[in-house]
Amino acid sequence: MQTGRVLAGVADHMKDHPEARTFLPSDAREPSQQEIVLTLQRSGAEVLLNYLPVGSKRAARMYAECAL
């Protein structure tokens, strides 16, 4: 598991929940698309699961391109 890119953002309604029960964007630097490709290649991954929320079309497309 590695930190990916936040391309779809975090839903505004998630800000109304306590920190222990919500999504908190990481302060870590987001990897470039090329870095994601290299990570997939180096890991020997044979399958990439795309489990992103509805509305994440841009992120889904980017990860599909990385996998190809």
N, C-alpha and C. Protein backbone atom coordinates (compact mmCIF):
# COMPACT_ATOMS: atom_id res chain seq x y z
N MET A 1 0.84 -1.16 0.00
CA MET A 1 0.00 0.00 0.00
C MET A 1 0.90 1.23 0.00
N GLN A 2 0.59 2.16 -0.90
CA GLN A 2 1.35 3.40 -0.99
C GLN A 2 0.40 4.57 -1.18
N THR A 3 0.84 5.72 -0.74
CA THR A 3 0.03 6.92 -0.93
C THR A 3 -0.06 7.22 -2.41
N GLY A 4 -1.26 7.49 -2.87
CA GLY A 4 -1.46 7.82 -4.28
C GLY A 4 -1.67 9.31 -4.46
N ARG A 5 -2.43 9.65 -5.48
CA ARG A 5 -2.71 11.06 -5.77
C ARG A 5 -4.14 11.39 -5.38
N VAL A 6 -4.33 12.58 -4.88
CA VAL A 6 -5.67 13.05 -4.54
C VAL A 6 -6.17 13.87 -5.72
N LEU A 7 -6.85 13.20 -6.64
CA LEU A 7 -7.31 13.87 -7.85
C LEU A 7 -8.78 14.27 -7.77
N ALA A 8 -9.53 13.62 -6.92
CA ALA A 8 -10.96 13.91 -6.82
C ALA A 8 -11.28 14.71 -5.56
N GLY A 9 -10.30 14.95 -4.71
CA GLY A 9 -10.53 15.71 -3.49
C GLY A 9 -11.22 14.88 -2.42
N VAL A 10 -11.62 15.56 -1.37
CA VAL A 10 -12.34 14.93 -0.25
C VAL A 10 -13.68 15.63 -0.13
N ALA A 11 -14.75 14.86 -0.01
CA ALA A 11 -16.10 15.43 0.06
C ALA A 11 -16.24 16.41 1.22
N ASP A 12 -16.90 17.53 0.97
CA ASP A 12 -17.08 18.57 1.99
C ASP A 12 -17.76 18.05 3.24
N HIS A 13 -18.74 17.12 3.09
CA HIS A 13 -19.47 16.65 4.26
C HIS A 13 -18.57 15.86 5.21
N MET A 14 -17.42 15.40 4.74
CA MET A 14 -16.51 14.65 5.61
C MET A 14 -15.85 15.56 6.64
N LYS A 15 -15.88 16.86 6.41
CA LYS A 15 -15.29 17.82 7.35
C LYS A 15 -16.10 17.93 8.63
N ASP A 16 -17.35 17.46 8.61
CA ASP A 16 -18.24 17.55 9.76
C ASP A 16 -18.04 16.42 10.76
N HIS A 17 -17.15 15.47 10.45
CA HIS A 17 -16.94 14.31 11.31
C HIS A 17 -15.67 14.47 12.14
N PRO A 18 -15.61 13.82 13.31
CA PRO A 18 -14.38 13.86 14.10
C PRO A 18 -13.21 13.25 13.30
N GLU A 19 -11.99 13.70 13.58
CA GLU A 19 -10.82 13.22 12.83
C GLU A 19 -10.69 11.71 12.83
N ALA A 20 -11.09 11.07 13.92
CA ALA A 20 -10.96 9.61 14.02
C ALA A 20 -11.96 8.87 13.13
N ARG A 21 -12.94 9.59 12.55
CA ARG A 21 -13.98 8.93 11.77
C ARG A 21 -14.15 9.56 10.38
N THR A 22 -13.08 10.10 9.84
CA THR A 22 -13.18 10.75 8.54
C THR A 22 -11.91 10.50 7.73
N PHE A 23 -11.88 11.03 6.54
CA PHE A 23 -10.69 10.96 5.69
C PHE A 23 -9.86 12.21 5.91
N LEU A 24 -8.58 12.03 6.12
CA LEU A 24 -7.67 13.15 6.28
C LEU A 24 -6.63 13.09 5.17
N PRO A 25 -6.59 14.11 4.31
CA PRO A 25 -5.57 14.09 3.26
C PRO A 25 -4.17 14.07 3.88
N SER A 26 -3.29 13.32 3.28
CA SER A 26 -1.91 13.20 3.76
C SER A 26 -1.12 14.46 3.45
N ASP A 27 -0.14 14.73 4.28
CA ASP A 27 0.78 15.84 4.02
C ASP A 27 1.95 15.40 3.14
N ALA A 28 2.00 14.10 2.83
CA ALA A 28 3.10 13.56 2.02
C ALA A 28 3.01 14.10 0.59
N ARG A 29 4.16 14.21 -0.04
CA ARG A 29 4.20 14.64 -1.44
C ARG A 29 3.51 13.57 -2.29
N GLU A 30 2.69 14.02 -3.21
CA GLU A 30 1.99 13.08 -4.09
C GLU A 30 2.93 12.61 -5.19
N PRO A 31 2.91 11.33 -5.50
CA PRO A 31 3.79 10.82 -6.56
C PRO A 31 3.31 11.29 -7.93
N SER A 32 4.26 11.43 -8.84
CA SER A 32 3.90 11.75 -10.22
C SER A 32 3.34 10.49 -10.88
N GLN A 33 2.73 10.67 -12.04
CA GLN A 33 2.19 9.52 -12.76
C GLN A 33 3.34 8.56 -13.12
N GLN A 34 4.48 9.10 -13.50
CA GLN A 34 5.63 8.25 -13.84
C GLN A 34 6.11 7.48 -12.61
N GLU A 35 6.10 8.09 -11.44
CA GLU A 35 6.51 7.39 -10.22
C GLU A 35 5.55 6.25 -9.89
N ILE A 36 4.27 6.45 -10.16
CA ILE A 36 3.28 5.39 -9.93
C ILE A 36 3.54 4.23 -10.88
N VAL A 37 3.84 4.54 -12.14
CA VAL A 37 4.16 3.49 -13.12
C VAL A 37 5.38 2.70 -12.65
N LEU A 38 6.42 3.39 -12.21
CA LEU A 38 7.63 2.71 -11.73
C LEU A 38 7.34 1.84 -10.51
N THR A 39 6.51 2.33 -9.60
CA THR A 39 6.15 1.55 -8.42
C THR A 39 5.44 0.27 -8.82
N LEU A 40 4.51 0.37 -9.77
CA LEU A 40 3.80 -0.82 -10.24
C LEU A 40 4.76 -1.81 -10.90
N GLN A 41 5.66 -1.29 -11.73
CA GLN A 41 6.61 -2.17 -12.41
C GLN A 41 7.54 -2.86 -11.42
N ARG A 42 8.07 -2.10 -10.48
CA ARG A 42 9.01 -2.65 -9.50
C ARG A 42 8.36 -3.66 -8.56
N SER A 43 7.08 -3.47 -8.31
CA SER A 43 6.39 -4.37 -7.37
C SER A 43 6.08 -5.73 -7.99
N GLY A 44 6.09 -5.77 -9.32
CA GLY A 44 5.72 -7.01 -10.00
C GLY A 44 4.21 -7.23 -10.01
N ALA A 45 3.46 -6.17 -9.78
CA ALA A 45 1.99 -6.27 -9.74
C ALA A 45 1.46 -6.85 -11.05
N GLU A 46 0.53 -7.77 -10.92
CA GLU A 46 -0.13 -8.34 -12.09
C GLU A 46 -1.57 -7.85 -12.20
N VAL A 47 -2.09 -7.29 -11.11
CA VAL A 47 -3.46 -6.80 -11.07
C VAL A 47 -3.48 -5.47 -10.32
N LEU A 48 -4.25 -4.52 -10.82
CA LEU A 48 -4.47 -3.26 -10.12
C LEU A 48 -5.97 -3.15 -9.87
N LEU A 49 -6.36 -3.09 -8.60
CA LEU A 49 -7.77 -2.92 -8.26
C LEU A 49 -8.09 -1.44 -8.22
N ASN A 50 -9.10 -1.05 -8.94
CA ASN A 50 -9.51 0.35 -9.00
C ASN A 50 -10.76 0.50 -8.13
N TYR A 51 -10.55 0.78 -6.86
CA TYR A 51 -11.65 0.88 -5.90
C TYR A 51 -11.76 2.32 -5.44
N LEU A 52 -12.27 3.17 -6.32
CA LEU A 52 -12.38 4.59 -6.04
C LEU A 52 -13.85 4.98 -5.96
N PRO A 53 -14.15 6.06 -5.23
CA PRO A 53 -15.55 6.46 -5.09
C PRO A 53 -16.16 6.97 -6.40
N VAL A 54 -17.47 6.97 -6.45
CA VAL A 54 -18.21 7.51 -7.59
C VAL A 54 -17.75 8.95 -7.81
N GLY A 55 -17.57 9.33 -9.05
CA GLY A 55 -17.16 10.69 -9.36
C GLY A 55 -15.65 10.85 -9.49
N SER A 56 -14.93 9.76 -9.36
CA SER A 56 -13.47 9.81 -9.44
C SER A 56 -12.98 9.46 -10.85
N LYS A 57 -13.67 9.95 -11.85
CA LYS A 57 -13.37 9.59 -13.23
C LYS A 57 -11.92 9.93 -13.59
N ARG A 58 -11.47 11.11 -13.20
CA ARG A 58 -10.10 11.53 -13.53
C ARG A 58 -9.07 10.60 -12.89
N ALA A 59 -9.27 10.27 -11.62
CA ALA A 59 -8.35 9.39 -10.90
C ALA A 59 -8.40 7.98 -11.49
N ALA A 60 -9.59 7.49 -11.78
CA ALA A 60 -9.72 6.14 -12.35
C ALA A 60 -8.99 6.05 -13.68
N ARG A 61 -9.12 7.07 -14.50
CA ARG A 61 -8.45 7.09 -15.81
C ARG A 61 -6.93 7.12 -15.64
N MET A 62 -6.45 7.95 -14.70
CA MET A 62 -5.01 8.07 -14.49
C MET A 62 -4.42 6.74 -14.04
N TYR A 63 -5.07 6.05 -13.08
CA TYR A 63 -4.55 4.77 -12.61
C TYR A 63 -4.65 3.69 -13.69
N ALA A 64 -5.67 3.73 -14.52
CA ALA A 64 -5.78 2.78 -15.63
C ALA A 64 -4.63 3.00 -16.61
N GLU A 65 -4.32 4.25 -16.89
CA GLU A 65 -3.20 4.56 -17.78
C GLU A 65 -1.88 4.08 -17.19
N CYS A 66 -1.71 4.24 -15.88
CA CYS A 66 -0.49 3.77 -15.21
C CYS A 66 -0.36 2.26 -15.32
N ALA A 67 -1.46 1.56 -15.20
CA ALA A 67 -1.43 0.09 -15.23
C ALA A 67 -1.12 -0.43 -16.64
N LEU A 68 -1.52 0.33 -17.64
CA LEU A 68 -1.28 -0.12 -19.02
C LEU A 68 0.15 0.13 -19.43
